[in-house]
C-alpha atoms as a PDB file:
ATOM      1  CA  MET A   1      37.787   1.611-128.320  1.00  0.00           C
ATOM      2  CA  LYS A   2      35.215   3.870-126.462  1.00  0.00           C
ATOM      3  CA  LYS A   3      33.255   0.862-125.522  1.00  0.00           C
ATOM      4  CA  PHE A   4      36.347  -0.842-124.111  1.00  0.00           C
ATOM      5  CA  LYS A   5      37.118   2.051-121.999  1.00  0.00           C
ATOM      6  CA  LYS A   6      33.398   2.236-120.722  1.00  0.00           C
ATOM      7  CA  VAL A   7      33.561  -1.613-119.908  1.00  0.00           C
ATOM      8  CA  LEU A   8      37.053  -1.313-118.358  1.00  0.00           C
ATOM      9  CA  LEU A   9      35.845   1.793-116.055  1.00  0.00           C
ATOM     10  CA  ALA A  10      32.513  -0.309-115.064  1.00  0.00           C
ATOM     11  CA  ALA A  11      34.711  -3.195-114.086  1.00  0.00           C
ATOM     12  CA  PHE A  12      36.817  -1.054-111.982  1.00  0.00           C
ATOM     13  CA  ILE A  13      33.988   0.555-110.379  1.00  0.00           C
ATOM     14  CA  LEU A  14      32.294  -2.708-109.575  1.00  0.00           C
ATOM     15  CA  LEU A  15      35.281  -4.238-108.354  1.00  0.00           C
ATOM     16  CA  ILE A  16      35.918  -1.448-105.844  1.00  0.00           C
ATOM     17  CA  VAL A  17      32.020  -1.930-104.739  1.00  0.00           C
ATOM     18  CA  CYS A  18      32.235  -5.528-104.360  1.00  0.00           C
ATOM     19  CA  LEU A  19      35.542  -5.839-102.409  1.00  0.00           C
ATOM     20  CA  SER A  20      34.438  -2.996 -99.841  1.00  0.00           C
ATOM     21  CA  THR A  21      33.773  -4.274 -96.419  1.00  0.00           C
ATOM     22  CA  THR A  22      31.447  -1.293 -95.441  1.00  0.00           C
ATOM     23  CA  THR A  23      28.587   0.250 -97.859  1.00  0.00           C
ATOM     24  CA  TYR A  24      29.914   2.797-100.309  1.00  0.00           C
ATOM     25  CA  MET A  25      27.811   4.936-102.505  1.00  0.00           C
ATOM     26  CA  ILE A  26      29.353   6.338-105.780  1.00  0.00           C
ATOM     27  CA  SER A  27      28.083   9.949-106.456  1.00  0.00           C
ATOM     28  CA  PRO A  28      27.522  11.183-109.898  1.00  0.00           C
ATOM     29  CA  LYS A  29      30.937  13.017-109.756  1.00  0.00           C
ATOM     30  CA  ALA A  30      32.732   9.702-109.183  1.00  0.00           C
ATOM     31  CA  LYS A  31      33.409  10.500-105.430  1.00  0.00           C
ATOM     32  CA  VAL A  32      33.467   7.677-103.159  1.00  0.00           C
ATOM     33  CA  THR A  33      31.705   8.469 -99.836  1.00  0.00           C
ATOM     34  CA  ARG A  34      31.418   5.912 -97.012  1.00  0.00           C
ATOM     35  CA  THR A  35      28.288   5.092 -94.879  1.00  0.00           C
ATOM     36  CA  LEU A  36      28.741   4.079 -91.378  1.00  0.00           C
ATOM     37  CA  PRO A  37      26.776   1.281 -90.083  1.00  0.00           C
ATOM     38  CA  THR A  38      24.039   2.479 -87.459  1.00  0.00           C
ATOM     39  CA  GLU A  39      23.934   1.464 -83.841  1.00  0.00           C
ATOM     40  CA  LYS A  40      20.728  -0.255 -84.141  1.00  0.00           C
ATOM     41  CA  THR A  41      20.981  -3.797 -85.558  1.00  0.00           C
ATOM     42  CA  THR A  42      17.819  -5.304 -87.283  1.00  0.00           C
ATOM     43  CA  ILE A  43      17.515  -8.749 -88.949  1.00  0.00           C
ATOM     44  CA  LYS A  44      16.554  -8.247 -92.379  1.00  0.00           C
ATOM     45  CA  ALA A  45      14.834 -10.846 -94.608  1.00  0.00           C
ATOM     46  CA  SER A  46      16.340 -12.344 -97.709  1.00  0.00           C
ATOM     47  CA  PRO A  47      14.622 -11.975-100.728  1.00  0.00           C
ATOM     48  CA  ILE A  48      12.336 -14.462-102.189  1.00  0.00           C
ATOM     49  CA  LYS A  49      13.664 -16.261-105.442  1.00  0.00           C
ATOM     50  CA  ASN A  50      10.972 -16.782-107.876  1.00  0.00           C
ATOM     51  CA  THR A  51      10.860 -19.607-110.540  1.00  0.00           C
ATOM     52  CA  ASP A  52      11.222 -17.043-113.484  1.00  0.00           C
ATOM     53  CA  GLY A  53      14.729 -15.975-111.938  1.00  0.00           C
ATOM     54  CA  SER A  54      13.325 -12.851-110.419  1.00  0.00           C
ATOM     55  CA  VAL A  55      13.404 -11.843-106.668  1.00  0.00           C
ATOM     56  CA  THR A  56      10.590 -10.438-104.530  1.00  0.00           C
ATOM     57  CA  TYR A  57      11.546  -8.253-101.511  1.00  0.00           C
ATOM     58  CA  LYS A  58       8.780  -7.797 -98.847  1.00  0.00           C
ATOM     59  CA  ASN A  59       8.088  -4.928 -96.619  1.00  0.00           C
ATOM     60  CA  VAL A  60       8.878  -2.084 -99.338  1.00  0.00           C
ATOM     61  CA  LYS A  61       6.343   0.607 -98.358  1.00  0.00           C
ATOM     62  CA  PRO A  62       5.503   3.701-100.344  1.00  0.00           C
ATOM     63  CA  ASN A  63       8.052   5.752 -98.696  1.00  0.00           C
ATOM     64  CA  VAL A  64      10.912   3.252 -99.051  1.00  0.00           C
ATOM     65  CA  PHE A  65       9.890   2.533-102.749  1.00  0.00           C
ATOM     66  CA  THR A  66       9.907   6.396-103.269  1.00  0.00           C
ATOM     67  CA  SER A  67      13.237   6.910-101.413  1.00  0.00           C
ATOM     68  CA  MET A  68      14.962   4.036-103.683  1.00  0.00           C
ATOM     69  CA  LYS A  69      13.799   5.724-106.708  1.00  0.00           C
ATOM     70  CA  GLN A  70      15.204   9.019-105.415  1.00  0.00           C
ATOM     71  CA  LYS A  71      18.619   7.668-104.728  1.00  0.00           C
ATOM     72  CA  ILE A  72      18.795   5.819-107.937  1.00  0.00           C
ATOM     73  CA  GLY A  73      18.016   9.075-109.741  1.00  0.00           C
ATOM     74  CA  GLU A  74      20.583  10.915-107.707  1.00  0.00           C
ATOM     75  CA  ALA A  75      23.313   8.685-108.594  1.00  0.00           C
ATOM     76  CA  GLY A  76      22.552   9.883-112.209  1.00  0.00           C
ATOM     77  CA  VAL A  77      20.439   6.785-113.475  1.00  0.00           C
ATOM     78  CA  GLN A  78      16.990   7.652-115.320  1.00  0.00           C
ATOM     79  CA  VAL A  79      14.020   6.060-113.464  1.00  0.00           C
ATOM     80  CA  PRO A  80      10.740   5.718-114.978  1.00  0.00           C
ATOM     81  CA  GLN A  81       7.621   7.072-113.346  1.00  0.00           C
ATOM     82  CA  GLY A  82       5.258   4.601-112.137  1.00  0.00           C
ATOM     83  CA  LYS A  83       5.299   1.315-110.296  1.00  0.00           C
ATOM     84  CA  ASP A  84       7.197  -0.675-112.963  1.00  0.00           C
ATOM     85  CA  GLY A  85       9.893  -0.189-115.529  1.00  0.00           C
ATOM     86  CA  ASP A  86      13.303  -0.668-116.866  1.00  0.00           C
ATOM     87  CA  ILE A  87      16.349   0.769-115.102  1.00  0.00           C
ATOM     88  CA  GLU A  88      19.640   0.819-116.903  1.00  0.00           C
ATOM     89  CA  GLY A  89      23.015   1.808-115.519  1.00  0.00           C
ATOM     90  CA  TYR A  90      26.593   0.753-115.393  1.00  0.00           C
ATOM     91  CA  GLY A  91      26.247  -2.039-118.024  1.00  0.00           C
ATOM     92  CA  THR A  92      23.181  -3.493-116.131  1.00  0.00           C
ATOM     93  CA  LYS A  93      19.457  -3.597-117.132  1.00  0.00           C
ATOM     94  CA  ILE A  94      16.923  -4.452-114.607  1.00  0.00           C
ATOM     95  CA  HIS A  95      13.288  -4.472-114.586  1.00  0.00           C
ATOM     96  CA  PHE A  96      11.328  -3.606-111.647  1.00  0.00           C
ATOM     97  CA  LYS A  97       7.602  -4.011-110.552  1.00  0.00           C
ATOM     98  CA  TRP A  98       6.026  -2.817-107.222  1.00  0.00           C
ATOM     99  CA  ASP A  99       2.495  -3.928-106.171  1.00  0.00           C
ATOM    100  CA  ASN A 100       1.745  -0.461-104.672  1.00  0.00           C
ATOM    101  CA  ALA A 101       1.582  -2.033-101.388  1.00  0.00           C
ATOM    102  CA  THR A 102       4.726  -3.909 -99.919  1.00  0.00           C
ATOM    103  CA  ASN A 103       6.126  -6.349-102.705  1.00  0.00           C
ATOM    104  CA  LEU A 104       8.885  -5.212-105.012  1.00  0.00           C
ATOM    105  CA  THR A 105       9.864  -7.589-107.811  1.00  0.00           C
ATOM    106  CA  ILE A 106      13.197  -7.167-109.504  1.00  0.00           C
ATOM    107  CA  ALA A 107      14.517  -9.114-112.528  1.00  0.00           C
ATOM    108  CA  ILE A 108      17.941  -8.809-114.064  1.00  0.00           C
ATOM    109  CA  LYS A 109      17.370  -8.449-117.903  1.00  0.00           C
ATOM    110  CA  ASP A 110      21.120  -7.679-118.968  1.00  0.00           C
ATOM    111  CA  LYS A 111      24.377  -7.624-117.256  1.00  0.00           C
ATOM    112  CA  PRO A 112      28.042  -7.529-117.976  1.00  0.00           C
ATOM    113  CA  TRP A 113      29.426 -11.237-118.343  1.00  0.00           C
ATOM    114  CA  TYR A 114      31.879 -10.594-115.578  1.00  0.00           C
ATOM    115  CA  ILE A 115      29.286  -9.908-112.826  1.00  0.00           C
ATOM    116  CA  SER A 116      27.185 -12.834-111.588  1.00  0.00           C
ATOM    117  CA  ASN A 117      23.678 -12.471-111.020  1.00  0.00           C
ATOM    118  CA  GLU A 118      24.068 -13.129-107.145  1.00  0.00           C
ATOM    119  CA  THR A 119      26.407 -10.197-106.991  1.00  0.00           C
ATOM    120  CA  ILE A 120      23.976  -7.895-108.469  1.00  0.00           C
ATOM    121  CA  THR A 121      21.260  -9.368-106.310  1.00  0.00           C
ATOM    122  CA  GLY A 122      23.008  -9.053-103.246  1.00  0.00           C
ATOM    123  CA  LYS A 123      23.969  -5.342-103.996  1.00  0.00           C
ATOM    124  CA  ILE A 124      20.099  -4.552-104.690  1.00  0.00           C
ATOM    125  CA  THR A 125      19.326  -6.258-101.320  1.00  0.00           C
ATOM    126  CA  ASP A 126      21.789  -4.250 -99.320  1.00  0.00           C
ATOM    127  CA  PHE A 127      20.286  -1.077-101.195  1.00  0.00           C
ATOM    128  CA  VAL A 128      16.720  -2.210-100.296  1.00  0.00           C
ATOM    129  CA  HIS A 129      17.694  -2.824 -96.757  1.00  0.00           C
ATOM    130  CA  ASN A 130      19.537   0.569 -96.545  1.00  0.00           C
ATOM    131  CA  CYS A 131      16.648   2.237 -97.676  1.00  0.00           C
ATOM    132  CA  GLY A 132      14.546   0.723 -95.002  1.00  0.00           C
ATOM    133  CA  GLY A 133      12.896  -2.179 -96.816  1.00  0.00           C
ATOM    134  CA  ASN A 134      13.025  -5.750 -95.841  1.00  0.00           C
END
């Protein structure tokens, strides 16, 4: 029964996030805060889809990578030290590898059945762009 409640809670949270028209961040205390769009509009590149199913983001500089790891940690998800590892949160397991220069590759290892890879990749892409990556 506990597992069902966790799955139901995760599904509800993801539904809220996916249906929003603006960017939202969920704090560790489950408060939803709205982030307003900035006045500057820049064109962001789509990630490169690799043959193994992973995606690679370009222009993820050291300050962007550090910012991303910090924000994920602030959301209550444990982030490993270093430039590669696995992150688990909200029923999803993702492997990341950064080349210590500008390329970040992310592979979805496990996810809830009711969420598509494209939805997760889209949310990660939004996150990378919001942190200053391209």
